[in-house]
Protein backbone atom coordinates (compact mmCIF):
# COMPACT_ATOMS: atom_id res chain seq x y z
CA UNK A 1 33.37 49.85 214.32
CA UNK A 2 31.03 49.70 211.29
CA UNK A 3 31.53 47.04 208.64
CA UNK A 4 30.17 49.33 205.93
CA UNK A 5 31.65 52.71 204.97
CA UNK A 6 30.40 55.37 202.73
CA UNK A 7 30.77 59.13 202.29
CA UNK A 8 27.98 60.88 204.28
CA UNK A 9 26.29 63.74 202.49
CA UNK A 10 26.44 66.11 205.44
CA UNK A 11 24.07 68.75 204.36
CA UNK A 12 21.53 66.10 203.39
CA UNK A 13 21.98 64.25 206.68
CA UNK A 14 21.64 67.49 208.71
CA UNK A 15 18.32 68.05 207.07
CA UNK A 16 16.92 64.37 206.91
CA UNK A 17 18.52 62.44 209.68
CA UNK A 18 15.85 62.23 212.38
CA UNK A 19 18.25 61.18 215.08
CA UNK A 20 20.29 64.41 214.54
CA UNK A 21 16.98 66.36 214.44
CA UNK A 22 15.83 64.94 217.77
CA UNK A 23 19.30 65.85 219.21
CA UNK A 24 18.78 69.53 218.07
CA UNK A 25 15.22 69.55 219.57
CA UNK A 26 16.67 68.30 222.95
CA UNK A 27 19.33 70.99 222.76
CA UNK A 28 16.73 73.72 222.00
CA UNK A 29 14.45 72.50 224.88
CA UNK A 30 17.35 72.49 227.38
CA UNK A 31 18.27 76.10 226.48
CA UNK A 32 14.66 77.19 226.66
CA UNK A 33 14.18 75.44 230.05
CA UNK A 34 17.23 77.26 231.29
CA UNK A 35 15.85 80.66 230.38
CA UNK A 36 12.51 79.71 232.05
CA UNK A 37 14.39 78.74 235.23
CA UNK A 38 16.18 82.12 235.22
CA UNK A 39 12.94 83.87 234.79
CA UNK A 40 11.19 82.03 237.51
CA UNK A 41 14.15 82.53 239.81
CA UNK A 42 14.31 86.23 239.12
CA UNK A 43 10.59 86.51 239.69
CA UNK A 44 10.76 84.73 243.06
CA UNK A 45 13.71 86.70 244.16
CA UNK A 46 11.84 89.96 243.44
CA UNK A 47 8.77 88.61 245.28
CA UNK A 48 10.99 87.82 248.28
CA UNK A 49 13.10 90.99 248.14
CA UNK A 50 14.23 92.49 251.30
CA UNK A 51 15.34 89.31 253.00
CA UNK A 52 18.17 86.89 252.70
CA UNK A 53 16.02 84.23 251.26
CA UNK A 54 15.77 85.93 247.90
CA UNK A 55 19.40 85.29 247.25
CA UNK A 56 19.23 81.62 248.20
CA UNK A 57 16.38 81.12 245.79
CA UNK A 58 17.99 83.20 243.06
CA UNK A 59 21.27 81.15 243.50
CA UNK A 60 19.43 77.91 243.30
CA UNK A 61 17.66 78.68 240.11
CA UNK A 62 20.76 79.98 238.52
CA UNK A 63 22.48 76.78 239.33
CA UNK A 64 19.61 74.77 237.84
CA UNK A 65 19.70 76.96 234.65
CA UNK A 66 23.48 76.46 234.29
CA UNK A 67 23.03 72.74 234.60
CA UNK A 68 20.36 72.68 231.77
CA UNK A 69 22.57 75.02 229.63
CA UNK A 70 25.45 72.66 230.03
CA UNK A 71 23.20 69.74 229.02
CA UNK A 72 22.23 71.65 225.91
CA UNK A 73 25.81 72.26 224.89
CA UNK A 74 26.98 68.75 225.69
CA UNK A 75 24.27 66.69 223.93
CA UNK A 76 25.30 67.46 220.29
CA UNK A 77 28.94 66.70 221.11
CA UNK A 78 27.90 63.38 222.71
CA UNK A 79 26.00 62.29 219.55
CA UNK A 80 28.82 63.47 217.25
CA UNK A 81 29.27 64.11 213.55
CA UNK A 82 27.02 62.17 211.11
CA UNK A 83 30.02 60.66 209.44
CA UNK A 84 31.34 59.36 212.71
CA UNK A 85 28.00 57.92 213.64
CA UNK A 86 27.78 55.91 210.34
CA UNK A 87 31.41 54.79 210.69
CA UNK A 88 31.03 53.71 214.22
CA UNK A 89 27.88 51.67 214.42
CA UNK A 90 27.29 48.21 212.66
CA UNK A 91 24.98 47.58 209.79
CA UNK A 92 21.61 46.23 210.61
CA UNK A 93 18.60 45.13 208.57
CA UNK A 94 15.42 47.04 208.94
CA UNK A 95 12.02 46.88 207.29
CA UNK A 96 8.91 49.00 207.14
CA UNK A 97 6.54 47.19 209.57
CA UNK A 98 3.73 49.61 209.71
CA UNK A 99 2.60 52.54 207.45
CA UNK A 100 0.59 55.52 208.93
CA UNK A 101 -0.63 58.65 207.24
CA UNK A 102 2.22 60.75 208.49
CA UNK A 103 4.97 58.27 209.45
CA UNK A 104 6.17 54.74 209.21
CA UNK A 105 7.43 52.26 211.76
CA UNK A 106 10.77 50.65 211.18
CA UNK A 107 11.50 47.18 212.65
CA UNK A 108 15.21 46.23 212.90
CA UNK A 109 17.10 43.24 213.88
CA UNK A 110 20.08 44.18 216.08
CA UNK A 111 22.85 42.63 218.13
CA UNK A 112 22.61 43.94 221.79
CA UNK A 113 25.97 42.44 222.91
CA UNK A 114 28.40 45.23 223.75
CA UNK A 115 31.60 43.39 223.02
CA UNK A 116 31.64 42.35 219.34
CA UNK A 117 33.97 39.39 220.28
CA UNK A 118 31.37 37.81 222.54
CA UNK A 119 28.30 35.70 221.19
CA UNK A 120 25.60 37.96 219.78
CA UNK A 121 22.23 38.35 221.66
CA UNK A 122 19.68 39.23 218.99
CA UNK A 123 16.67 41.55 219.46
CA UNK A 124 14.06 43.50 217.61
CA UNK A 125 13.90 47.16 217.93
CA UNK A 126 11.45 49.65 216.44
CA UNK A 127 11.59 53.39 215.61
CA UNK A 128 8.85 55.70 214.18
CA UNK A 129 10.13 57.74 211.25
CA UNK A 130 8.47 60.63 209.43
CA UNK A 131 10.57 59.97 206.32
CA UNK A 132 12.79 57.16 204.90
CA UNK A 133 14.52 58.86 202.04
CA UNK A 134 14.85 56.81 198.79
CA UNK A 135 12.68 53.99 200.17
CA UNK A 136 9.05 53.29 199.38
CA UNK A 137 6.48 53.69 202.14
CA UNK A 138 5.16 50.18 202.03
CA UNK A 139 5.14 47.29 204.45
CA UNK A 140 7.99 44.97 204.00
CA UNK A 141 10.35 47.54 202.29
CA UNK A 142 13.94 46.72 203.14
CA UNK A 143 15.78 49.72 204.76
CA UNK A 144 19.46 49.09 205.52
CA UNK A 145 20.45 50.99 208.65
CA UNK A 146 23.09 51.20 211.38
CA UNK A 147 22.29 50.14 214.79
CA UNK A 148 22.90 53.09 217.16
CA UNK A 149 23.27 51.87 220.72
CA UNK A 150 22.30 53.87 223.78
CA UNK A 151 22.23 52.96 227.44
CA UNK A 152 22.99 49.87 229.51
CA UNK A 153 21.30 48.66 232.71
CA UNK A 154 23.62 48.83 235.81
CA UNK A 155 23.06 45.14 236.45
CA UNK A 156 23.86 44.05 232.87
CA UNK A 157 26.54 46.11 231.35
CA UNK A 158 27.41 43.60 228.83
CA UNK A 159 24.22 44.21 226.76
CA UNK A 160 22.70 47.39 225.48
CA UNK A 161 19.25 48.32 226.85
CA UNK A 162 18.54 50.79 224.00
CA UNK A 163 19.26 50.52 220.41
CA UNK A 164 17.74 52.44 217.49
CA UNK A 165 17.93 52.00 213.75
CA UNK A 166 19.43 54.87 211.69
CA UNK A 167 18.70 54.32 207.94
CA UNK A 168 21.53 54.72 205.52
CA UNK A 169 19.00 56.66 203.24
CA UNK A 170 19.12 59.43 205.93
CA UNK A 171 22.63 60.25 204.93
CA UNK A 172 22.85 59.87 201.12
CA UNK A 173 20.82 60.46 198.00
CA UNK A 174 22.75 57.82 196.03
CA UNK A 175 20.67 54.75 195.45
CA UNK A 176 23.73 52.64 194.64
CA UNK A 177 25.06 53.19 198.17
CA UNK A 178 21.75 52.06 199.72
CA UNK A 179 21.75 49.03 197.26
CA UNK A 180 25.27 48.06 198.43
CA UNK A 181 24.35 48.47 202.09
CA UNK A 182 21.34 46.19 201.67
CA UNK A 183 23.38 43.48 199.93
CA UNK A 184 26.14 43.80 202.61
CA UNK A 185 23.73 42.50 205.27
CA UNK A 186 23.67 38.67 205.40
CA UNK A 187 20.54 37.10 203.88
CA UNK A 188 19.86 35.15 206.99
CA UNK A 189 19.50 38.40 209.04
CA UNK A 190 16.94 39.63 206.55
CA UNK A 191 15.09 36.29 206.74
CA UNK A 192 14.79 36.36 210.50
CA UNK A 193 13.62 39.93 210.48
CA UNK A 194 10.92 39.33 207.92
CA UNK A 195 9.73 36.27 209.85
CA UNK A 196 9.23 38.47 212.88
CA UNK A 197 7.76 41.47 211.19
CA UNK A 198 4.31 40.90 212.90
CA UNK A 199 5.91 41.32 216.40
CA UNK A 200 6.17 45.16 215.87
CA UNK A 201 3.43 45.80 218.33
CA UNK A 202 5.03 43.75 220.93
CA UNK A 203 8.31 45.57 220.32
CA UNK A 204 6.66 48.92 220.67
CA UNK A 205 4.99 47.83 223.91
CA UNK A 206 8.33 47.32 225.63
CA UNK A 207 10.04 50.00 227.84
CA UNK A 208 12.71 50.86 225.15
CA UNK A 209 11.13 49.44 222.10
CA UNK A 210 13.62 46.49 222.26
CA UNK A 211 12.43 42.95 222.39
CA UNK A 212 15.05 40.09 222.84
CA UNK A 213 14.66 37.00 220.59
CA UNK A 214 15.01 33.44 221.82
CA UNK A 215 17.02 32.71 218.67
CA UNK A 216 18.70 34.63 215.94
CA UNK A 217 20.69 34.24 212.76
CA UNK A 218 23.28 31.43 212.54
CA UNK A 219 25.93 33.58 210.89
């Protein structure tokens, strides 16, 4: 459960939240691939017409198309409503670590421990963003976010293997909310993050843009 709550501007978040945008793209791709599978299956069935093999091939491609259609319908439900996302995940400090002509790279300090009652294991994670809302596109800009956790390794279920920062500014146009979120994050966490800002390339070189730290904040 998040330790910072605010009213999400849903229309604004739907337009500017890039995590939600990625989800819609994945959903669209799944539906398109399902249609392509149906077209290929139909074409092969027509080519093989006159034999029993055509029905086996057609049935196989229909099953595959249904699987991708189900994926397309389940993914948005799995991600959930933007208000629920921001209410669920914990605050995390993020900074602009690199500025490119069309995007910026955010570097965040996150706790990868699944159980909040267990000692934290700190790591750096990175995400490339095309927009950061109210924030300036300059290196070192502080961008309060929530740390959205993803998958876990089978051999290490007590720690997240994927975490991505989701800026507060993707869900509100109110600078006061962003200001409150920035000050709600402990100073020590900001200090550790800024100390490691030059490691952004090392973070991006990892499999899931997640680099464990040998030491983290004391509080």
